[in-house]
């Protein structure tokens, strides 16, 4: 999965993108190994150029998302924390 994230970062660089948010659950799973169905709640993998990626998940999924799933970065942010 690290290789997938590296390719995504390279794509961001080639397109001069400062940030990218991936919200479809299957795409989040593809890049992180974390799979859930957030229903109407927001969930996303957030990539910012030059920083580690992080998952933004509903409060109900925070504990599950914090388990090792490939490499979504070391950060999981739960809704309500920001």
Protein backbone atom coordinates (compact mmCIF):
# COMPACT_ATOMS: atom_id res chain seq x y z
CA UNK A 1 0.00 0.00 0.00
CA UNK A 2 2.94 2.30 0.56
CA UNK A 3 3.77 2.02 -3.14
CA UNK A 4 0.21 3.09 -4.01
CA UNK A 5 0.50 6.15 -1.80
CA UNK A 6 3.87 7.01 -3.33
CA UNK A 7 2.36 6.84 -6.82
CA UNK A 8 -0.51 9.04 -5.67
CA UNK A 9 1.96 11.58 -4.27
CA UNK A 10 3.83 11.51 -7.59
CA UNK A 11 0.53 12.13 -9.40
CA UNK A 12 -0.15 15.08 -7.11
CA UNK A 13 3.29 16.51 -7.87
CA UNK A 14 2.83 16.08 -11.62
CA UNK A 15 -0.50 17.94 -11.45
CA UNK A 16 0.80 20.52 -8.95
CA UNK A 17 -1.93 19.59 -6.47
CA UNK A 18 -1.42 20.82 -2.91
CA UNK A 19 -4.01 18.48 -1.39
CA UNK A 20 -6.25 15.58 -2.29
CA UNK A 21 -9.21 14.08 -0.44
CA UNK A 22 -10.38 10.57 -1.26
CA UNK A 23 -13.87 9.86 0.03
CA UNK A 24 -15.22 6.75 -1.67
CA UNK A 25 -14.92 3.87 0.87
CA UNK A 26 -13.49 1.41 -1.69
CA UNK A 27 -10.83 3.91 -2.76
CA UNK A 28 -9.95 4.63 0.88
CA UNK A 29 -9.60 0.87 1.34
CA UNK A 30 -7.38 0.60 -1.75
CA UNK A 31 -4.90 3.11 -0.36
CA UNK A 32 -5.10 2.24 3.36
CA UNK A 33 -6.55 -1.23 3.96
CA UNK A 34 -9.27 0.35 6.13
CA UNK A 35 -12.79 -0.58 5.04
CA UNK A 36 -16.01 0.71 6.54
CA UNK A 37 -19.36 2.00 5.36
CA UNK A 38 -19.74 5.51 6.79
CA UNK A 39 -23.32 5.81 5.46
CA UNK A 40 -24.24 9.51 5.50
CA UNK A 41 -21.21 10.48 7.60
CA UNK A 42 -18.09 12.01 6.05
CA UNK A 43 -14.98 9.86 5.80
CA UNK A 44 -11.88 10.56 3.81
CA UNK A 45 -8.21 9.95 3.27
CA UNK A 46 -6.51 13.35 3.24
CA UNK A 47 -3.19 13.87 1.49
CA UNK A 48 -1.36 17.18 1.73
CA UNK A 49 1.83 17.72 -0.21
CA UNK A 50 4.88 17.28 2.03
CA UNK A 51 2.92 15.78 4.95
CA UNK A 52 1.89 12.32 6.08
CA UNK A 53 -1.59 11.28 4.96
CA UNK A 54 -4.35 10.93 7.53
CA UNK A 55 -7.81 9.43 7.81
CA UNK A 56 -10.77 11.56 8.82
CA UNK A 57 -13.46 9.20 10.09
CA UNK A 58 -16.80 9.30 11.89
CA UNK A 59 -16.49 9.09 15.67
CA UNK A 60 -18.01 5.59 15.62
CA UNK A 61 -15.14 4.30 13.44
CA UNK A 62 -12.26 5.97 15.26
CA UNK A 63 -11.12 2.95 17.23
CA UNK A 64 -11.39 0.63 14.22
CA UNK A 65 -9.50 3.09 12.01
CA UNK A 66 -6.67 3.37 14.54
CA UNK A 67 -5.79 -0.31 14.06
CA UNK A 68 -2.93 -1.03 11.66
CA UNK A 69 -4.21 -1.06 8.07
CA UNK A 70 -1.29 -0.70 5.75
CA UNK A 71 -0.11 2.89 6.06
CA UNK A 72 -2.74 5.63 6.16
CA UNK A 73 -0.13 7.63 8.01
CA UNK A 74 0.06 7.67 11.77
CA UNK A 75 -2.90 9.96 12.13
CA UNK A 76 -6.57 9.23 12.45
CA UNK A 77 -8.82 12.21 13.11
CA UNK A 78 -12.30 11.51 14.41
CA UNK A 79 -15.22 13.79 13.62
CA UNK A 80 -15.76 15.96 16.67
CA UNK A 81 -12.02 16.37 17.34
CA UNK A 82 -11.73 19.41 15.08
